[in-house]
Amino acid sequence: MVQAYILIQTEVGKASTVAETISEIPGVTKAEDVTGPYDVIVRAQADTVDELGRMVVARVQQVDGITRTLTCPVVHL
């Protein structure tokens, strides 16, 4: 299982709507609007890195109001 944080920048005033919409995507375990350089932080999981990438590109990045994403896979050192 691959887990990742997805950091999201949104259009002004869209963070809450984006977080709510993304929280319904299969594989997303948590989506919260935050303050700072990013507007929404998402915790997601998938069986493989490829599956995670497909979820981000095909589902997350298609949500209306998103301007940029940064995917940070979790590593266990």
N, C-alpha and C. Protein backbone atom coordinates (compact mmCIF):
# COMPACT_ATOMS: atom_id res chain seq x y z
N MET A 1 0.83 -1.18 0.00
CA MET A 1 0.00 0.00 0.00
C MET A 1 0.88 1.25 0.00
N VAL A 2 0.56 2.18 -0.89
CA VAL A 2 1.27 3.45 -0.99
C VAL A 2 0.38 4.54 -0.41
N GLN A 3 0.95 5.35 0.47
CA GLN A 3 0.21 6.47 1.04
C GLN A 3 0.92 7.76 0.66
N ALA A 4 0.14 8.84 0.56
CA ALA A 4 0.73 10.12 0.18
C ALA A 4 -0.10 11.27 0.73
N TYR A 5 0.58 12.41 0.88
CA TYR A 5 -0.10 13.67 1.14
C TYR A 5 -0.15 14.41 -0.19
N ILE A 6 -1.28 14.98 -0.49
CA ILE A 6 -1.42 15.79 -1.70
C ILE A 6 -1.69 17.21 -1.24
N LEU A 7 -0.77 18.10 -1.56
CA LEU A 7 -0.89 19.51 -1.19
C LEU A 7 -1.53 20.24 -2.35
N ILE A 8 -2.57 21.00 -2.07
CA ILE A 8 -3.36 21.60 -3.15
C ILE A 8 -3.50 23.10 -2.97
N GLN A 9 -3.27 23.82 -4.07
CA GLN A 9 -3.58 25.25 -4.12
C GLN A 9 -4.87 25.40 -4.91
N THR A 10 -5.74 26.30 -4.43
CA THR A 10 -7.04 26.48 -5.09
C THR A 10 -7.23 27.94 -5.49
N GLU A 11 -8.27 28.15 -6.27
CA GLU A 11 -8.69 29.52 -6.55
C GLU A 11 -9.20 30.13 -5.25
N VAL A 12 -9.17 31.44 -5.15
CA VAL A 12 -9.61 32.14 -3.94
C VAL A 12 -11.06 31.76 -3.62
N GLY A 13 -11.27 31.39 -2.36
CA GLY A 13 -12.61 31.06 -1.89
C GLY A 13 -13.11 29.67 -2.22
N LYS A 14 -12.27 28.82 -2.80
CA LYS A 14 -12.70 27.48 -3.23
C LYS A 14 -12.21 26.35 -2.33
N ALA A 15 -11.39 26.64 -1.32
CA ALA A 15 -10.77 25.58 -0.52
C ALA A 15 -11.78 24.65 0.12
N SER A 16 -12.80 25.18 0.72
CA SER A 16 -13.78 24.35 1.41
C SER A 16 -14.52 23.43 0.44
N THR A 17 -14.92 23.96 -0.70
CA THR A 17 -15.63 23.17 -1.70
C THR A 17 -14.72 22.09 -2.28
N VAL A 18 -13.47 22.44 -2.55
CA VAL A 18 -12.51 21.48 -3.08
C VAL A 18 -12.28 20.34 -2.08
N ALA A 19 -12.07 20.67 -0.82
CA ALA A 19 -11.84 19.64 0.21
C ALA A 19 -13.04 18.71 0.32
N GLU A 20 -14.23 19.28 0.29
CA GLU A 20 -15.45 18.48 0.39
C GLU A 20 -15.60 17.53 -0.80
N THR A 21 -15.34 18.03 -2.00
CA THR A 21 -15.45 17.21 -3.21
C THR A 21 -14.41 16.10 -3.22
N ILE A 22 -13.17 16.44 -2.88
CA ILE A 22 -12.09 15.45 -2.90
C ILE A 22 -12.29 14.37 -1.85
N SER A 23 -12.89 14.72 -0.72
CA SER A 23 -13.08 13.72 0.34
C SER A 23 -13.96 12.55 -0.11
N GLU A 24 -14.72 12.72 -1.19
CA GLU A 24 -15.59 11.67 -1.71
C GLU A 24 -14.90 10.74 -2.72
N ILE A 25 -13.67 11.06 -3.12
CA ILE A 25 -12.94 10.25 -4.10
C ILE A 25 -12.44 8.97 -3.41
N PRO A 26 -12.68 7.80 -4.01
CA PRO A 26 -12.17 6.55 -3.43
C PRO A 26 -10.64 6.60 -3.31
N GLY A 27 -10.13 6.20 -2.15
CA GLY A 27 -8.70 6.23 -1.89
C GLY A 27 -8.29 7.42 -1.05
N VAL A 28 -9.14 8.42 -0.96
CA VAL A 28 -8.86 9.59 -0.12
C VAL A 28 -9.34 9.27 1.29
N THR A 29 -8.42 9.35 2.26
CA THR A 29 -8.79 9.04 3.64
C THR A 29 -9.08 10.30 4.45
N LYS A 30 -8.57 11.45 4.01
CA LYS A 30 -8.79 12.70 4.73
C LYS A 30 -8.54 13.86 3.78
N ALA A 31 -9.37 14.89 3.85
CA ALA A 31 -9.17 16.11 3.05
C ALA A 31 -9.59 17.29 3.92
N GLU A 32 -8.64 18.18 4.19
CA GLU A 32 -8.93 19.31 5.07
C GLU A 32 -8.43 20.61 4.45
N ASP A 33 -9.23 21.68 4.63
CA ASP A 33 -8.74 22.98 4.19
C ASP A 33 -7.88 23.56 5.32
N VAL A 34 -6.79 24.19 4.92
CA VAL A 34 -5.79 24.70 5.87
C VAL A 34 -5.38 26.11 5.46
N THR A 35 -4.56 26.75 6.30
CA THR A 35 -4.00 28.05 5.94
C THR A 35 -2.53 27.87 5.60
N GLY A 36 -1.97 28.84 4.92
CA GLY A 36 -0.56 28.78 4.54
C GLY A 36 -0.42 28.77 3.03
N PRO A 37 0.72 28.29 2.53
CA PRO A 37 0.94 28.32 1.08
C PRO A 37 0.04 27.35 0.31
N TYR A 38 -0.52 26.36 0.99
CA TYR A 38 -1.47 25.44 0.37
C TYR A 38 -2.83 25.64 1.02
N ASP A 39 -3.88 25.35 0.28
CA ASP A 39 -5.24 25.60 0.75
C ASP A 39 -5.94 24.33 1.24
N VAL A 40 -5.53 23.18 0.70
CA VAL A 40 -6.12 21.90 1.08
C VAL A 40 -5.00 20.88 1.19
N ILE A 41 -5.05 20.05 2.22
CA ILE A 41 -4.12 18.93 2.34
C ILE A 41 -4.94 17.65 2.39
N VAL A 42 -4.54 16.69 1.55
CA VAL A 42 -5.26 15.44 1.40
C VAL A 42 -4.35 14.28 1.79
N ARG A 43 -4.89 13.31 2.48
CA ARG A 43 -4.18 12.05 2.74
C ARG A 43 -4.86 11.00 1.87
N ALA A 44 -4.08 10.31 1.06
CA ALA A 44 -4.64 9.33 0.12
C ALA A 44 -3.83 8.05 0.16
N GLN A 45 -4.43 6.97 -0.32
CA GLN A 45 -3.73 5.69 -0.39
C GLN A 45 -4.19 4.92 -1.63
N ALA A 46 -3.28 4.09 -2.12
CA ALA A 46 -3.56 3.24 -3.28
C ALA A 46 -2.68 2.01 -3.17
N ASP A 47 -2.99 1.00 -3.98
CA ASP A 47 -2.22 -0.24 -3.93
C ASP A 47 -0.82 -0.08 -4.52
N THR A 48 -0.68 0.77 -5.55
CA THR A 48 0.63 0.96 -6.20
C THR A 48 0.86 2.45 -6.45
N VAL A 49 2.10 2.80 -6.75
CA VAL A 49 2.44 4.18 -7.10
C VAL A 49 1.71 4.58 -8.38
N ASP A 50 1.64 3.67 -9.34
CA ASP A 50 0.94 3.97 -10.59
C ASP A 50 -0.54 4.27 -10.34
N GLU A 51 -1.16 3.48 -9.50
CA GLU A 51 -2.57 3.70 -9.17
C GLU A 51 -2.76 5.04 -8.47
N LEU A 52 -1.85 5.38 -7.58
CA LEU A 52 -1.89 6.68 -6.90
C LEU A 52 -1.78 7.81 -7.92
N GLY A 53 -0.84 7.68 -8.84
CA GLY A 53 -0.66 8.70 -9.88
C GLY A 53 -1.89 8.87 -10.74
N ARG A 54 -2.52 7.75 -11.10
CA ARG A 54 -3.76 7.83 -11.89
C ARG A 54 -4.87 8.52 -11.12
N MET A 55 -4.96 8.25 -9.82
CA MET A 55 -5.98 8.89 -9.01
C MET A 55 -5.76 10.41 -8.96
N VAL A 56 -4.52 10.81 -8.78
CA VAL A 56 -4.23 12.25 -8.71
C VAL A 56 -4.53 12.92 -10.04
N VAL A 57 -4.06 12.36 -11.13
CA VAL A 57 -4.23 13.00 -12.43
C VAL A 57 -5.68 12.92 -12.94
N ALA A 58 -6.29 11.74 -12.81
CA ALA A 58 -7.62 11.54 -13.40
C ALA A 58 -8.77 12.01 -12.51
N ARG A 59 -8.56 12.02 -11.19
CA ARG A 59 -9.67 12.36 -10.30
C ARG A 59 -9.42 13.67 -9.55
N VAL A 60 -8.30 13.76 -8.83
CA VAL A 60 -8.06 14.93 -7.97
C VAL A 60 -7.87 16.19 -8.81
N GLN A 61 -6.98 16.15 -9.78
CA GLN A 61 -6.68 17.36 -10.56
C GLN A 61 -7.85 17.83 -11.42
N GLN A 62 -8.87 17.00 -11.58
CA GLN A 62 -10.03 17.39 -12.38
C GLN A 62 -11.09 18.14 -11.56
N VAL A 63 -10.90 18.23 -10.25
CA VAL A 63 -11.86 18.94 -9.40
C VAL A 63 -11.81 20.43 -9.71
N ASP A 64 -12.97 21.02 -9.92
CA ASP A 64 -13.06 22.43 -10.24
C ASP A 64 -12.53 23.30 -9.10
N GLY A 65 -11.70 24.27 -9.44
CA GLY A 65 -11.16 25.20 -8.45
C GLY A 65 -9.71 24.94 -8.07
N ILE A 66 -9.14 23.82 -8.51
CA ILE A 66 -7.74 23.51 -8.19
C ILE A 66 -6.82 24.19 -9.20
N THR A 67 -5.77 24.84 -8.70
CA THR A 67 -4.81 25.47 -9.60
C THR A 67 -3.48 24.71 -9.65
N ARG A 68 -3.13 23.99 -8.56
CA ARG A 68 -1.85 23.26 -8.54
C ARG A 68 -1.88 22.19 -7.45
N THR A 69 -1.20 21.06 -7.73
CA THR A 69 -1.07 20.01 -6.72
C THR A 69 0.40 19.61 -6.58
N LEU A 70 0.73 19.09 -5.41
CA LEU A 70 2.05 18.54 -5.14
C LEU A 70 1.84 17.26 -4.35
N THR A 71 2.24 16.12 -4.93
CA THR A 71 2.03 14.83 -4.28
C THR A 71 3.31 14.42 -3.55
N CYS A 72 3.17 14.10 -2.27
CA CYS A 72 4.30 13.73 -1.42
C CYS A 72 4.08 12.33 -0.87
N PRO A 73 4.67 11.30 -1.50
CA PRO A 73 4.50 9.93 -0.98
C PRO A 73 5.13 9.79 0.41
N VAL A 74 4.48 9.02 1.25
CA VAL A 74 4.98 8.75 2.58
C VAL A 74 6.06 7.68 2.50
N VAL A 75 7.18 7.88 3.17
CA VAL A 75 8.24 6.89 3.22
C VAL A 75 8.47 6.50 4.68
N HIS A 76 8.88 5.28 4.89
CA HIS A 76 9.18 4.80 6.24
C HIS A 76 10.67 4.49 6.29
N LEU A 77 11.44 5.35 6.90
CA LEU A 77 12.90 5.21 6.96
C LEU A 77 13.34 4.49 8.22
